[in-house]
Amino acid sequence: MPSKKTVAIVDLGSLSVRLKIFQITRGQAPKEVESLRRFFAVGAETYRFGEISEGRLSDLCEILSGFVIKMKEYKISEAICVA
């Protein structure tokens, strides 16, 4: 019987933050089982000021907290994050 694992990927882009959940089965291509996307325009502020404001960081924390809730539904305790 093939070994299965469920993994989460968080992608922080300049216009949005995405959570993708995949089921990995040995010998098969990863299968996307859920995807969430939240608008989060951080690029312009970062390029202009060289940093992310406290307010935007607070917004990001709220988004990520929602992603954690979704990950718990799949019993995922860790995510791979890319930016």
N, C-alpha and C. Protein backbone atom coordinates (compact mmCIF):
# COMPACT_ATOMS: atom_id res chain seq x y z
N MET A 1 0.85 -1.18 0.00
CA MET A 1 0.00 0.00 0.00
C MET A 1 0.89 1.24 0.00
N PRO A 2 0.59 2.22 -0.87
CA PRO A 2 1.44 3.41 -0.96
C PRO A 2 1.37 4.26 0.30
N SER A 3 2.52 4.86 0.64
CA SER A 3 2.60 5.76 1.79
C SER A 3 2.06 7.14 1.38
N LYS A 4 1.17 7.71 2.21
CA LYS A 4 0.57 9.01 1.91
C LYS A 4 0.97 10.03 2.97
N LYS A 5 1.15 11.26 2.53
CA LYS A 5 1.47 12.36 3.43
C LYS A 5 0.77 13.61 2.90
N THR A 6 0.25 14.43 3.81
CA THR A 6 -0.38 15.68 3.43
C THR A 6 0.53 16.83 3.84
N VAL A 7 0.81 17.73 2.90
CA VAL A 7 1.73 18.83 3.15
C VAL A 7 1.08 20.16 2.80
N ALA A 8 1.57 21.23 3.44
CA ALA A 8 1.07 22.58 3.19
C ALA A 8 2.20 23.46 2.68
N ILE A 9 1.88 24.29 1.70
CA ILE A 9 2.82 25.26 1.16
C ILE A 9 2.19 26.64 1.32
N VAL A 10 2.93 27.59 1.89
CA VAL A 10 2.48 28.98 2.00
C VAL A 10 3.37 29.79 1.07
N ASP A 11 2.74 30.54 0.17
CA ASP A 11 3.44 31.37 -0.80
C ASP A 11 3.11 32.83 -0.54
N LEU A 12 4.10 33.61 -0.09
CA LEU A 12 3.92 35.03 0.15
C LEU A 12 4.43 35.78 -1.06
N GLY A 13 3.48 36.34 -1.83
CA GLY A 13 3.84 37.10 -3.01
C GLY A 13 3.66 38.59 -2.79
N SER A 14 3.89 39.37 -3.81
CA SER A 14 3.78 40.82 -3.67
C SER A 14 2.33 41.29 -3.65
N LEU A 15 1.40 40.45 -4.14
CA LEU A 15 -0.02 40.83 -4.18
C LEU A 15 -0.94 39.92 -3.40
N SER A 16 -0.45 38.74 -3.01
CA SER A 16 -1.33 37.81 -2.30
C SER A 16 -0.52 36.82 -1.47
N VAL A 17 -1.24 36.16 -0.56
CA VAL A 17 -0.68 35.07 0.22
C VAL A 17 -1.54 33.85 -0.08
N ARG A 18 -0.89 32.75 -0.42
CA ARG A 18 -1.63 31.54 -0.78
C ARG A 18 -1.25 30.38 0.12
N LEU A 19 -2.23 29.54 0.38
CA LEU A 19 -2.00 28.27 1.06
C LEU A 19 -2.44 27.18 0.10
N LYS A 20 -1.56 26.26 -0.16
CA LYS A 20 -1.90 25.10 -0.99
C LYS A 20 -1.63 23.85 -0.19
N ILE A 21 -2.58 22.95 -0.22
CA ILE A 21 -2.45 21.69 0.49
C ILE A 21 -2.41 20.56 -0.53
N PHE A 22 -1.39 19.73 -0.40
CA PHE A 22 -1.19 18.62 -1.34
C PHE A 22 -1.16 17.30 -0.60
N GLN A 23 -1.64 16.26 -1.28
CA GLN A 23 -1.47 14.90 -0.79
C GLN A 23 -0.36 14.27 -1.63
N ILE A 24 0.63 13.78 -0.91
CA ILE A 24 1.78 13.16 -1.56
C ILE A 24 1.68 11.66 -1.37
N THR A 25 1.69 10.94 -2.47
CA THR A 25 1.66 9.48 -2.45
C THR A 25 2.90 8.98 -3.19
N ARG A 26 3.63 8.13 -2.54
CA ARG A 26 4.85 7.59 -3.15
C ARG A 26 4.55 7.01 -4.53
N GLY A 27 5.37 7.42 -5.50
CA GLY A 27 5.24 6.89 -6.85
C GLY A 27 4.20 7.61 -7.70
N GLN A 28 3.56 8.66 -7.14
CA GLN A 28 2.56 9.40 -7.90
C GLN A 28 2.86 10.89 -7.84
N ALA A 29 2.28 11.64 -8.76
CA ALA A 29 2.43 13.09 -8.75
C ALA A 29 1.65 13.66 -7.57
N PRO A 30 2.14 14.75 -6.95
CA PRO A 30 1.38 15.37 -5.86
C PRO A 30 -0.01 15.79 -6.34
N LYS A 31 -1.00 15.63 -5.47
CA LYS A 31 -2.38 15.99 -5.81
C LYS A 31 -2.81 17.16 -4.93
N GLU A 32 -3.17 18.28 -5.56
CA GLU A 32 -3.65 19.44 -4.80
C GLU A 32 -5.05 19.13 -4.28
N VAL A 33 -5.24 19.25 -2.95
CA VAL A 33 -6.54 18.96 -2.36
C VAL A 33 -7.28 20.22 -1.93
N GLU A 34 -6.54 21.32 -1.71
CA GLU A 34 -7.21 22.58 -1.36
C GLU A 34 -6.25 23.74 -1.61
N SER A 35 -6.85 24.88 -1.95
CA SER A 35 -6.07 26.09 -2.19
C SER A 35 -6.84 27.29 -1.67
N LEU A 36 -6.16 28.14 -0.90
CA LEU A 36 -6.74 29.38 -0.40
C LEU A 36 -5.86 30.53 -0.85
N ARG A 37 -6.49 31.67 -1.15
CA ARG A 37 -5.74 32.84 -1.58
C ARG A 37 -6.34 34.07 -0.92
N ARG A 38 -5.50 34.90 -0.34
CA ARG A 38 -5.95 36.14 0.29
C ARG A 38 -5.16 37.29 -0.30
N PHE A 39 -5.87 38.34 -0.68
CA PHE A 39 -5.22 39.54 -1.21
C PHE A 39 -4.39 40.18 -0.11
N PHE A 40 -3.14 40.50 -0.42
CA PHE A 40 -2.23 41.11 0.55
C PHE A 40 -1.15 41.86 -0.23
N ALA A 41 -1.45 43.10 -0.58
CA ALA A 41 -0.52 43.90 -1.39
C ALA A 41 0.58 44.47 -0.51
N VAL A 42 1.70 43.80 -0.48
CA VAL A 42 2.82 44.24 0.33
C VAL A 42 3.98 44.73 -0.53
N GLY A 43 3.95 44.44 -1.79
CA GLY A 43 5.07 44.76 -2.68
C GLY A 43 5.40 46.23 -2.77
N ALA A 44 4.41 47.09 -3.04
CA ALA A 44 4.68 48.53 -3.23
C ALA A 44 5.27 49.14 -1.96
N GLU A 45 4.70 48.82 -0.81
CA GLU A 45 5.19 49.36 0.46
C GLU A 45 6.63 48.90 0.72
N THR A 46 6.89 47.65 0.46
CA THR A 46 8.23 47.11 0.70
C THR A 46 9.26 47.76 -0.23
N TYR A 47 8.90 47.91 -1.49
CA TYR A 47 9.84 48.51 -2.44
C TYR A 47 10.06 49.99 -2.12
N ARG A 48 9.02 50.69 -1.70
CA ARG A 48 9.12 52.12 -1.43
C ARG A 48 9.89 52.42 -0.14
N PHE A 49 9.56 51.68 0.93
CA PHE A 49 10.13 52.00 2.25
C PHE A 49 11.21 51.01 2.72
N GLY A 50 11.34 49.90 2.03
CA GLY A 50 12.35 48.92 2.40
C GLY A 50 11.98 48.04 3.57
N GLU A 51 10.72 48.12 4.01
CA GLU A 51 10.27 47.29 5.13
C GLU A 51 8.75 47.17 5.09
N ILE A 52 8.24 46.28 5.91
CA ILE A 52 6.79 46.08 6.03
C ILE A 52 6.34 46.76 7.32
N SER A 53 5.31 47.57 7.24
CA SER A 53 4.82 48.30 8.42
C SER A 53 4.21 47.34 9.44
N GLU A 54 4.11 47.81 10.69
CA GLU A 54 3.51 46.99 11.74
C GLU A 54 2.06 46.63 11.40
N GLY A 55 1.34 47.58 10.81
CA GLY A 55 -0.05 47.32 10.43
C GLY A 55 -0.17 46.21 9.41
N ARG A 56 0.72 46.22 8.42
CA ARG A 56 0.69 45.16 7.40
C ARG A 56 1.12 43.83 8.00
N LEU A 57 2.08 43.86 8.93
CA LEU A 57 2.48 42.61 9.59
C LEU A 57 1.32 42.03 10.40
N SER A 58 0.55 42.90 11.04
CA SER A 58 -0.63 42.45 11.78
C SER A 58 -1.63 41.80 10.84
N ASP A 59 -1.84 42.42 9.67
CA ASP A 59 -2.74 41.85 8.66
C ASP A 59 -2.24 40.47 8.22
N LEU A 60 -0.94 40.37 8.00
CA LEU A 60 -0.35 39.09 7.58
C LEU A 60 -0.54 38.03 8.65
N CYS A 61 -0.37 38.40 9.92
CA CYS A 61 -0.56 37.44 11.02
C CYS A 61 -2.00 36.93 11.06
N GLU A 62 -2.96 37.79 10.79
CA GLU A 62 -4.37 37.36 10.75
C GLU A 62 -4.60 36.36 9.63
N ILE A 63 -4.03 36.64 8.47
CA ILE A 63 -4.17 35.72 7.33
C ILE A 63 -3.54 34.37 7.67
N LEU A 64 -2.32 34.40 8.22
CA LEU A 64 -1.63 33.15 8.55
C LEU A 64 -2.35 32.38 9.64
N SER A 65 -2.98 33.07 10.57
CA SER A 65 -3.77 32.39 11.62
C SER A 65 -4.93 31.62 10.99
N GLY A 66 -5.55 32.22 9.99
CA GLY A 66 -6.61 31.52 9.27
C GLY A 66 -6.09 30.29 8.55
N PHE A 67 -4.88 30.41 7.98
CA PHE A 67 -4.27 29.27 7.30
C PHE A 67 -3.98 28.14 8.30
N VAL A 68 -3.55 28.49 9.50
CA VAL A 68 -3.27 27.48 10.53
C VAL A 68 -4.54 26.70 10.86
N ILE A 69 -5.66 27.40 10.96
CA ILE A 69 -6.94 26.72 11.22
C ILE A 69 -7.23 25.70 10.12
N LYS A 70 -7.03 26.10 8.88
CA LYS A 70 -7.26 25.18 7.75
C LYS A 70 -6.29 24.01 7.80
N MET A 71 -5.04 24.27 8.14
CA MET A 71 -4.06 23.19 8.23
C MET A 71 -4.43 22.19 9.32
N LYS A 72 -4.98 22.67 10.43
CA LYS A 72 -5.40 21.77 11.51
C LYS A 72 -6.51 20.84 11.05
N GLU A 73 -7.36 21.30 10.14
CA GLU A 73 -8.41 20.43 9.60
C GLU A 73 -7.80 19.20 8.92
N TYR A 74 -6.62 19.38 8.35
CA TYR A 74 -5.92 18.28 7.66
C TYR A 74 -4.87 17.63 8.54
N LYS A 75 -4.80 18.07 9.82
CA LYS A 75 -3.82 17.53 10.77
C LYS A 75 -2.38 17.79 10.30
N ILE A 76 -2.17 18.97 9.73
CA ILE A 76 -0.83 19.39 9.29
C ILE A 76 -0.29 20.35 10.36
N SER A 77 0.90 20.09 10.87
CA SER A 77 1.46 20.94 11.91
C SER A 77 2.58 21.85 11.42
N GLU A 78 3.08 21.63 10.22
CA GLU A 78 4.16 22.45 9.67
C GLU A 78 3.87 22.77 8.22
N ALA A 79 4.38 23.93 7.77
CA ALA A 79 4.21 24.32 6.38
C ALA A 79 5.57 24.69 5.79
N ILE A 80 5.68 24.52 4.50
CA ILE A 80 6.84 25.01 3.76
C ILE A 80 6.45 26.40 3.26
N CYS A 81 7.26 27.40 3.58
CA CYS A 81 6.94 28.77 3.19
C CYS A 81 7.93 29.27 2.15
N VAL A 82 7.40 29.93 1.12
CA VAL A 82 8.23 30.53 0.08
C VAL A 82 7.77 31.96 -0.14
N ALA A 83 8.71 32.81 -0.53
CA ALA A 83 8.38 34.22 -0.79
C ALA A 83 9.02 34.65 -2.10
